[in-house]
N, C-alpha and C. Protein backbone atom coordinates (compact mmCIF):
# COMPACT_ATOMS: atom_id res chain seq x y z
N MET A 1 -27.85 120.11 13.77
CA MET A 1 -26.95 119.26 14.52
C MET A 1 -27.71 118.10 15.17
N LYS A 2 -28.85 118.44 15.79
CA LYS A 2 -29.64 117.43 16.46
C LYS A 2 -30.19 116.41 15.44
N ARG A 3 -30.59 116.88 14.27
CA ARG A 3 -31.12 116.02 13.21
C ARG A 3 -30.05 115.04 12.74
N ALA A 4 -28.82 115.50 12.56
CA ALA A 4 -27.72 114.63 12.13
C ALA A 4 -27.47 113.55 13.17
N TYR A 5 -27.56 113.90 14.44
CA TYR A 5 -27.37 112.93 15.53
C TYR A 5 -28.46 111.86 15.47
N GLN A 6 -29.70 112.27 15.24
CA GLN A 6 -30.81 111.32 15.16
C GLN A 6 -30.63 110.36 13.98
N ILE A 7 -30.18 110.90 12.86
CA ILE A 7 -29.96 110.06 11.69
C ILE A 7 -28.85 109.05 11.95
N ARG A 8 -27.73 109.50 12.55
CA ARG A 8 -26.63 108.58 12.87
C ARG A 8 -27.09 107.51 13.86
N ARG A 9 -27.88 107.91 14.84
CA ARG A 9 -28.38 106.97 15.84
C ARG A 9 -29.30 105.92 15.19
N THR A 10 -30.14 106.35 14.27
CA THR A 10 -31.04 105.43 13.57
C THR A 10 -30.24 104.45 12.71
N ILE A 11 -29.25 104.97 11.99
CA ILE A 11 -28.40 104.11 11.16
C ILE A 11 -27.66 103.10 12.03
N ALA A 12 -27.14 103.53 13.16
CA ALA A 12 -26.44 102.62 14.08
C ALA A 12 -27.38 101.54 14.59
N ALA A 13 -28.62 101.90 14.92
CA ALA A 13 -29.58 100.92 15.42
C ALA A 13 -29.93 99.90 14.34
N VAL A 14 -30.12 100.36 13.12
CA VAL A 14 -30.44 99.45 12.01
C VAL A 14 -29.26 98.51 11.75
N LEU A 15 -28.05 99.05 11.75
CA LEU A 15 -26.87 98.20 11.54
C LEU A 15 -26.72 97.16 12.65
N ALA A 16 -26.96 97.57 13.89
CA ALA A 16 -26.87 96.63 15.01
C ALA A 16 -27.91 95.53 14.86
N LEU A 17 -29.11 95.88 14.44
CA LEU A 17 -30.15 94.89 14.23
C LEU A 17 -29.77 93.94 13.10
N LEU A 18 -29.25 94.45 12.01
CA LEU A 18 -28.82 93.60 10.89
C LEU A 18 -27.71 92.65 11.30
N ILE A 19 -26.75 93.14 12.07
CA ILE A 19 -25.66 92.28 12.55
C ILE A 19 -26.21 91.19 13.46
N ALA A 20 -27.10 91.57 14.37
CA ALA A 20 -27.69 90.58 15.29
C ALA A 20 -28.46 89.53 14.51
N MET A 21 -29.23 89.95 13.51
CA MET A 21 -30.00 88.99 12.71
C MET A 21 -29.07 88.08 11.92
N THR A 22 -28.00 88.63 11.38
CA THR A 22 -27.04 87.82 10.63
C THR A 22 -26.42 86.76 11.52
N VAL A 23 -26.01 87.15 12.71
CA VAL A 23 -25.41 86.20 13.65
C VAL A 23 -26.43 85.14 14.04
N LEU A 24 -27.64 85.57 14.35
CA LEU A 24 -28.67 84.65 14.79
C LEU A 24 -29.04 83.64 13.71
N PHE A 25 -29.25 84.12 12.48
CA PHE A 25 -29.68 83.22 11.41
C PHE A 25 -28.54 82.41 10.81
N SER A 26 -27.32 82.83 11.00
CA SER A 26 -26.21 82.02 10.49
C SER A 26 -25.77 80.99 11.53
N ASN A 27 -26.32 81.04 12.72
CA ASN A 27 -26.01 80.08 13.78
C ASN A 27 -27.32 79.50 14.32
N PRO A 28 -27.94 78.54 13.62
CA PRO A 28 -29.24 78.01 14.04
C PRO A 28 -29.24 77.45 15.45
N GLU A 29 -28.09 76.99 15.93
CA GLU A 29 -28.07 76.44 17.29
C GLU A 29 -28.42 77.50 18.33
N LEU A 30 -28.23 78.78 18.00
CA LEU A 30 -28.58 79.85 18.94
C LEU A 30 -30.08 80.01 19.08
N TRP A 31 -30.80 80.03 17.94
CA TRP A 31 -32.23 80.27 18.03
C TRP A 31 -33.04 79.01 18.21
N GLN A 32 -32.51 77.85 17.89
CA GLN A 32 -33.26 76.62 18.12
C GLN A 32 -33.30 76.26 19.61
N ALA A 33 -32.38 76.82 20.39
CA ALA A 33 -32.35 76.52 21.82
C ALA A 33 -33.36 77.34 22.61
N ILE A 34 -33.98 78.34 21.97
CA ILE A 34 -34.96 79.18 22.67
C ILE A 34 -36.23 78.37 22.83
N PRO A 35 -36.70 78.16 24.07
CA PRO A 35 -37.90 77.34 24.27
C PRO A 35 -39.15 78.07 23.79
N SER A 36 -40.06 77.31 23.19
CA SER A 36 -41.33 77.89 22.76
C SER A 36 -42.26 77.95 23.97
N PRO A 37 -43.33 78.79 23.90
CA PRO A 37 -44.27 78.84 25.01
C PRO A 37 -44.88 77.48 25.31
N ALA A 38 -45.12 76.66 24.26
CA ALA A 38 -45.71 75.35 24.49
C ALA A 38 -44.76 74.44 25.27
N SER A 39 -43.44 74.60 25.06
CA SER A 39 -42.50 73.73 25.75
C SER A 39 -42.15 74.25 27.14
N SER A 40 -42.56 75.48 27.45
CA SER A 40 -42.23 76.04 28.76
C SER A 40 -43.21 75.61 29.83
N GLY A 41 -44.24 74.87 29.43
CA GLY A 41 -45.20 74.40 30.41
C GLY A 41 -46.34 75.36 30.66
N THR A 42 -46.41 76.48 29.94
CA THR A 42 -47.49 77.44 30.19
C THR A 42 -48.78 77.05 29.49
N ALA A 43 -48.70 76.42 28.31
CA ALA A 43 -49.90 76.02 27.58
C ALA A 43 -50.32 74.64 28.05
N THR A 44 -51.62 74.40 28.04
CA THR A 44 -52.14 73.11 28.48
C THR A 44 -53.12 72.59 27.44
N GLY A 45 -53.51 71.35 27.57
CA GLY A 45 -54.51 70.76 26.69
C GLY A 45 -53.89 69.82 25.67
N LYS A 46 -54.78 69.17 24.90
CA LYS A 46 -54.34 68.18 23.91
C LYS A 46 -53.49 68.82 22.81
N ALA A 47 -53.89 70.00 22.36
CA ALA A 47 -53.13 70.66 21.29
C ALA A 47 -51.74 71.03 21.77
N ALA A 48 -51.64 71.56 22.99
CA ALA A 48 -50.33 71.93 23.53
C ALA A 48 -49.44 70.70 23.66
N GLU A 49 -50.03 69.58 24.07
CA GLU A 49 -49.27 68.34 24.18
C GLU A 49 -48.78 67.88 22.82
N ALA A 50 -49.65 67.99 21.79
CA ALA A 50 -49.24 67.60 20.44
C ALA A 50 -48.11 68.49 19.94
N LEU A 51 -48.16 69.77 20.26
CA LEU A 51 -47.09 70.69 19.85
C LEU A 51 -45.76 70.32 20.50
N ARG A 52 -45.82 69.90 21.76
CA ARG A 52 -44.58 69.53 22.45
C ARG A 52 -43.93 68.30 21.81
N LEU A 53 -44.72 67.48 21.13
CA LEU A 53 -44.20 66.26 20.51
C LEU A 53 -43.58 66.52 19.13
N LEU A 54 -43.83 67.69 18.54
CA LEU A 54 -43.27 68.00 17.23
C LEU A 54 -41.75 68.16 17.30
N ALA A 55 -41.07 67.56 16.35
CA ALA A 55 -39.62 67.71 16.28
C ALA A 55 -39.27 69.08 15.72
N VAL A 56 -38.25 69.71 16.27
CA VAL A 56 -37.76 70.98 15.74
C VAL A 56 -36.63 70.65 14.78
N LYS A 57 -36.79 71.10 13.53
CA LYS A 57 -35.81 70.80 12.50
C LYS A 57 -35.28 72.09 11.90
N GLY A 58 -34.15 72.00 11.26
CA GLY A 58 -33.60 73.14 10.55
C GLY A 58 -34.42 73.47 9.32
N ARG A 59 -34.22 74.63 8.78
CA ARG A 59 -34.98 75.11 7.62
C ARG A 59 -34.30 74.66 6.33
N ALA A 60 -35.07 73.98 5.47
CA ALA A 60 -34.59 73.56 4.16
C ALA A 60 -34.84 74.70 3.17
N PRO A 61 -34.30 74.61 1.96
CA PRO A 61 -34.55 75.66 0.96
C PRO A 61 -36.03 75.71 0.60
N LYS A 62 -36.50 76.86 0.19
CA LYS A 62 -37.90 77.03 -0.21
C LYS A 62 -38.06 76.81 -1.72
N THR A 63 -37.08 76.18 -2.33
CA THR A 63 -37.07 75.93 -3.77
C THR A 63 -38.33 75.18 -4.19
N GLY A 64 -39.02 75.70 -5.20
CA GLY A 64 -40.21 75.03 -5.72
C GLY A 64 -41.50 75.33 -4.99
N TYR A 65 -41.44 76.10 -3.90
CA TYR A 65 -42.65 76.40 -3.12
C TYR A 65 -43.51 77.44 -3.83
N ALA A 66 -44.80 77.19 -3.86
CA ALA A 66 -45.78 78.17 -4.32
C ALA A 66 -47.04 77.97 -3.49
N ARG A 67 -47.59 79.03 -2.98
CA ARG A 67 -48.78 78.96 -2.13
C ARG A 67 -49.92 78.23 -2.85
N THR A 68 -50.01 78.40 -4.17
CA THR A 68 -51.09 77.80 -4.94
C THR A 68 -51.06 76.27 -4.91
N GLN A 69 -49.93 75.67 -4.56
CA GLN A 69 -49.85 74.21 -4.47
C GLN A 69 -50.72 73.67 -3.34
N PHE A 70 -51.15 74.53 -2.44
CA PHE A 70 -51.95 74.11 -1.30
C PHE A 70 -53.42 74.48 -1.45
N GLY A 71 -53.85 74.81 -2.64
CA GLY A 71 -55.24 75.19 -2.85
C GLY A 71 -55.39 76.70 -2.94
N ASP A 72 -56.59 77.13 -3.31
CA ASP A 72 -56.80 78.55 -3.55
C ASP A 72 -57.64 79.23 -2.47
N GLY A 73 -57.71 78.67 -1.31
CA GLY A 73 -58.44 79.33 -0.23
C GLY A 73 -59.51 78.45 0.36
N TRP A 74 -60.51 79.07 0.93
CA TRP A 74 -61.57 78.36 1.63
C TRP A 74 -62.60 77.82 0.66
N ALA A 75 -62.94 76.54 0.78
CA ALA A 75 -64.00 75.94 -0.03
C ALA A 75 -65.35 76.42 0.50
N THR A 76 -66.35 76.43 -0.37
CA THR A 76 -67.70 76.83 0.02
C THR A 76 -68.62 75.62 -0.04
N THR A 77 -69.38 75.43 1.03
CA THR A 77 -70.33 74.33 1.12
C THR A 77 -71.67 74.90 1.56
N ALA A 78 -72.71 74.66 0.77
CA ALA A 78 -74.06 75.14 1.08
C ALA A 78 -74.07 76.64 1.37
N GLY A 79 -73.26 77.40 0.62
CA GLY A 79 -73.25 78.86 0.75
C GLY A 79 -72.36 79.40 1.86
N CYS A 80 -71.72 78.53 2.63
CA CYS A 80 -70.85 78.97 3.73
C CYS A 80 -69.42 78.53 3.44
N ASP A 81 -68.44 79.45 3.63
CA ASP A 81 -67.06 79.03 3.43
C ASP A 81 -66.58 78.26 4.66
N THR A 82 -65.55 77.45 4.44
CA THR A 82 -65.05 76.55 5.48
C THR A 82 -64.63 77.30 6.74
N ARG A 83 -64.02 78.49 6.59
CA ARG A 83 -63.60 79.25 7.77
C ARG A 83 -64.79 79.55 8.67
N ASN A 84 -65.88 80.01 8.10
CA ASN A 84 -67.04 80.34 8.92
C ASN A 84 -67.71 79.11 9.51
N ILE A 85 -67.69 78.00 8.77
CA ILE A 85 -68.22 76.75 9.32
C ILE A 85 -67.43 76.34 10.55
N ILE A 86 -66.09 76.43 10.45
CA ILE A 86 -65.22 76.03 11.58
C ILE A 86 -65.37 77.02 12.74
N LEU A 87 -65.41 78.32 12.43
CA LEU A 87 -65.61 79.31 13.50
C LEU A 87 -66.91 79.03 14.24
N ASN A 88 -67.98 78.75 13.49
CA ASN A 88 -69.28 78.47 14.12
C ASN A 88 -69.21 77.21 14.98
N ARG A 89 -68.41 76.24 14.54
CA ARG A 89 -68.25 75.01 15.32
C ARG A 89 -67.43 75.23 16.59
N ASP A 90 -66.35 76.00 16.48
CA ASP A 90 -65.38 76.10 17.57
C ASP A 90 -65.62 77.22 18.57
N LEU A 91 -66.34 78.27 18.15
CA LEU A 91 -66.56 79.39 19.07
C LEU A 91 -67.78 79.14 19.94
N LYS A 92 -67.68 79.52 21.17
CA LYS A 92 -68.83 79.51 22.08
C LYS A 92 -69.61 80.79 21.82
N GLU A 93 -70.91 80.73 21.98
CA GLU A 93 -71.77 81.91 21.82
C GLU A 93 -71.58 82.56 20.45
N ALA A 94 -71.41 81.74 19.39
CA ALA A 94 -71.19 82.28 18.05
C ALA A 94 -72.45 82.92 17.50
N SER A 95 -72.29 84.08 16.85
CA SER A 95 -73.38 84.76 16.15
C SER A 95 -73.05 84.72 14.67
N VAL A 96 -74.07 84.37 13.85
CA VAL A 96 -73.88 84.25 12.41
C VAL A 96 -74.86 85.20 11.72
N ASN A 97 -74.37 85.97 10.72
CA ASN A 97 -75.26 86.88 10.01
C ASN A 97 -75.92 86.17 8.82
N ASP A 98 -76.73 86.91 8.05
CA ASP A 98 -77.46 86.31 6.93
C ASP A 98 -76.57 85.95 5.74
N LYS A 99 -75.29 86.34 5.78
CA LYS A 99 -74.33 85.98 4.73
C LYS A 99 -73.50 84.76 5.14
N CYS A 100 -73.92 84.09 6.21
CA CYS A 100 -73.23 82.91 6.72
C CYS A 100 -71.84 83.26 7.26
N GLN A 101 -71.68 84.47 7.78
CA GLN A 101 -70.42 84.90 8.37
C GLN A 101 -70.57 84.94 9.88
N VAL A 102 -69.62 84.35 10.59
CA VAL A 102 -69.61 84.45 12.04
C VAL A 102 -69.17 85.87 12.38
N THR A 103 -69.99 86.57 13.15
CA THR A 103 -69.70 87.97 13.47
C THR A 103 -69.05 88.14 14.84
N ARG A 104 -69.27 87.19 15.73
CA ARG A 104 -68.65 87.25 17.05
C ARG A 104 -68.74 85.90 17.73
N GLY A 105 -67.95 85.74 18.78
CA GLY A 105 -67.95 84.52 19.57
C GLY A 105 -66.74 84.50 20.49
N VAL A 106 -66.61 83.42 21.24
CA VAL A 106 -65.52 83.29 22.20
C VAL A 106 -64.80 81.97 21.93
N LEU A 107 -63.47 82.04 21.81
CA LEU A 107 -62.67 80.84 21.56
C LEU A 107 -61.83 80.52 22.79
N ASN A 108 -61.92 79.28 23.25
CA ASN A 108 -60.99 78.77 24.25
C ASN A 108 -59.84 78.17 23.44
N ASP A 109 -58.78 78.96 23.22
CA ASP A 109 -57.69 78.59 22.33
C ASP A 109 -56.95 77.37 22.85
N PRO A 110 -56.98 76.25 22.11
CA PRO A 110 -56.34 75.03 22.57
C PRO A 110 -54.81 75.11 22.54
N TYR A 111 -54.24 76.09 21.83
CA TYR A 111 -52.79 76.19 21.69
C TYR A 111 -52.15 77.04 22.77
N THR A 112 -52.85 78.06 23.22
CA THR A 112 -52.29 78.96 24.23
C THR A 112 -52.98 78.84 25.57
N GLY A 113 -54.17 78.23 25.60
CA GLY A 113 -54.93 78.16 26.83
C GLY A 113 -55.66 79.47 27.13
N LYS A 114 -55.57 80.45 26.23
CA LYS A 114 -56.21 81.75 26.45
C LYS A 114 -57.64 81.75 25.93
N VAL A 115 -58.44 82.63 26.48
CA VAL A 115 -59.79 82.87 25.99
C VAL A 115 -59.71 84.09 25.08
N ILE A 116 -60.13 83.93 23.82
CA ILE A 116 -60.04 85.00 22.83
C ILE A 116 -61.45 85.39 22.41
N THR A 117 -61.76 86.66 22.53
CA THR A 117 -63.05 87.16 22.07
C THR A 117 -62.92 87.50 20.59
N PHE A 118 -63.74 86.85 19.77
CA PHE A 118 -63.71 87.09 18.32
C PHE A 118 -64.78 88.10 17.96
N VAL A 119 -64.39 89.13 17.21
CA VAL A 119 -65.31 90.10 16.64
C VAL A 119 -64.86 90.30 15.20
N ARG A 120 -65.76 90.01 14.25
CA ARG A 120 -65.40 90.14 12.82
C ARG A 120 -65.01 91.59 12.52
N GLY A 121 -63.90 91.73 11.82
CA GLY A 121 -63.45 93.06 11.41
C GLY A 121 -62.05 92.98 10.83
N GLY A 122 -61.69 93.98 10.04
CA GLY A 122 -60.40 94.00 9.37
C GLY A 122 -59.22 93.94 10.31
N SER A 123 -59.36 94.51 11.50
CA SER A 123 -58.24 94.51 12.43
C SER A 123 -58.38 93.49 13.55
N THR A 124 -59.50 92.74 13.58
CA THR A 124 -59.71 91.80 14.69
C THR A 124 -59.88 90.35 14.26
N SER A 125 -60.32 90.09 13.04
CA SER A 125 -60.58 88.70 12.62
C SER A 125 -59.34 87.83 12.68
N ALA A 126 -58.17 88.41 12.45
CA ALA A 126 -56.91 87.63 12.45
C ALA A 126 -56.53 87.17 13.85
N ASN A 127 -57.22 87.65 14.88
CA ASN A 127 -56.91 87.20 16.25
C ASN A 127 -57.21 85.72 16.44
N VAL A 128 -58.09 85.16 15.61
CA VAL A 128 -58.43 83.74 15.67
C VAL A 128 -57.95 83.10 14.38
N GLN A 129 -56.85 82.36 14.48
CA GLN A 129 -56.27 81.67 13.34
C GLN A 129 -56.69 80.22 13.35
N ILE A 130 -57.38 79.78 12.30
CA ILE A 130 -57.85 78.40 12.27
C ILE A 130 -57.44 77.66 11.02
N ASP A 131 -56.82 78.34 10.06
CA ASP A 131 -56.60 77.69 8.77
C ASP A 131 -55.54 76.61 8.80
N HIS A 132 -54.44 76.80 9.50
CA HIS A 132 -53.46 75.73 9.66
C HIS A 132 -52.59 76.02 10.87
N VAL A 133 -52.20 74.95 11.54
CA VAL A 133 -51.40 75.09 12.74
C VAL A 133 -49.97 75.48 12.39
N VAL A 134 -49.47 74.98 11.27
CA VAL A 134 -48.12 75.29 10.81
C VAL A 134 -48.26 76.09 9.52
N ALA A 135 -47.54 77.19 9.42
CA ALA A 135 -47.57 77.99 8.20
C ALA A 135 -47.14 77.14 7.01
N LEU A 136 -47.75 77.35 5.85
CA LEU A 136 -47.48 76.50 4.69
C LEU A 136 -46.03 76.57 4.24
N GLY A 137 -45.45 77.76 4.24
CA GLY A 137 -44.03 77.88 3.87
C GLY A 137 -43.14 77.13 4.84
N ASP A 138 -43.49 77.17 6.12
CA ASP A 138 -42.74 76.44 7.14
C ASP A 138 -42.89 74.93 6.94
N ALA A 139 -44.10 74.50 6.61
CA ALA A 139 -44.32 73.08 6.35
C ALA A 139 -43.50 72.61 5.15
N TRP A 140 -43.37 73.48 4.16
CA TRP A 140 -42.59 73.16 2.97
C TRP A 140 -41.12 72.98 3.32
N GLN A 141 -40.61 73.89 4.14
CA GLN A 141 -39.18 73.90 4.45
C GLN A 141 -38.79 72.96 5.58
N LYS A 142 -39.67 72.73 6.54
CA LYS A 142 -39.24 72.00 7.74
C LYS A 142 -40.07 70.75 8.07
N ARG A 143 -41.20 70.56 7.46
CA ARG A 143 -42.07 69.46 7.87
C ARG A 143 -42.32 68.42 6.79
N GLY A 144 -41.65 68.55 5.64
CA GLY A 144 -41.74 67.52 4.62
C GLY A 144 -42.82 67.73 3.56
N ALA A 145 -43.50 68.87 3.56
CA ALA A 145 -44.55 69.09 2.56
C ALA A 145 -43.98 69.13 1.15
N ALA A 146 -42.71 69.47 0.98
CA ALA A 146 -42.10 69.50 -0.34
C ALA A 146 -42.01 68.12 -0.96
N THR A 147 -42.05 67.09 -0.14
CA THR A 147 -41.89 65.74 -0.65
C THR A 147 -43.23 65.03 -0.87
N LEU A 148 -44.33 65.70 -0.57
CA LEU A 148 -45.66 65.07 -0.73
C LEU A 148 -46.12 65.09 -2.15
């Protein structure tokens, strides 16, 4: 009896979530009115100011989009990939191993104003995102990359 109740409760929660998502995504005026952290005045710096100047637009179709249109990843220069070159440039107290990989450092994040401690690892490296400010799919649908 208790198991059946848990299953019904889970199904009801999933249905409620699906209905909420349907309403939210079918009415862009609802979610476009939600202020971003950058527009709320919490982030500071040149990057935060640049973000505040970006126009918020509706999402266009993703027709014709392929990730490969934007290149195949990080270029390598003198044995170091671009990500590690940028990490070494942007992190304070950066440590680099003999494979030209940044293993640790500290980032003063220009987008959030937070200090992020970087430690190379499968579950921690993603804490420092440097590859692009706008996701490529988002750029395709909302920022005009489809027309370039």
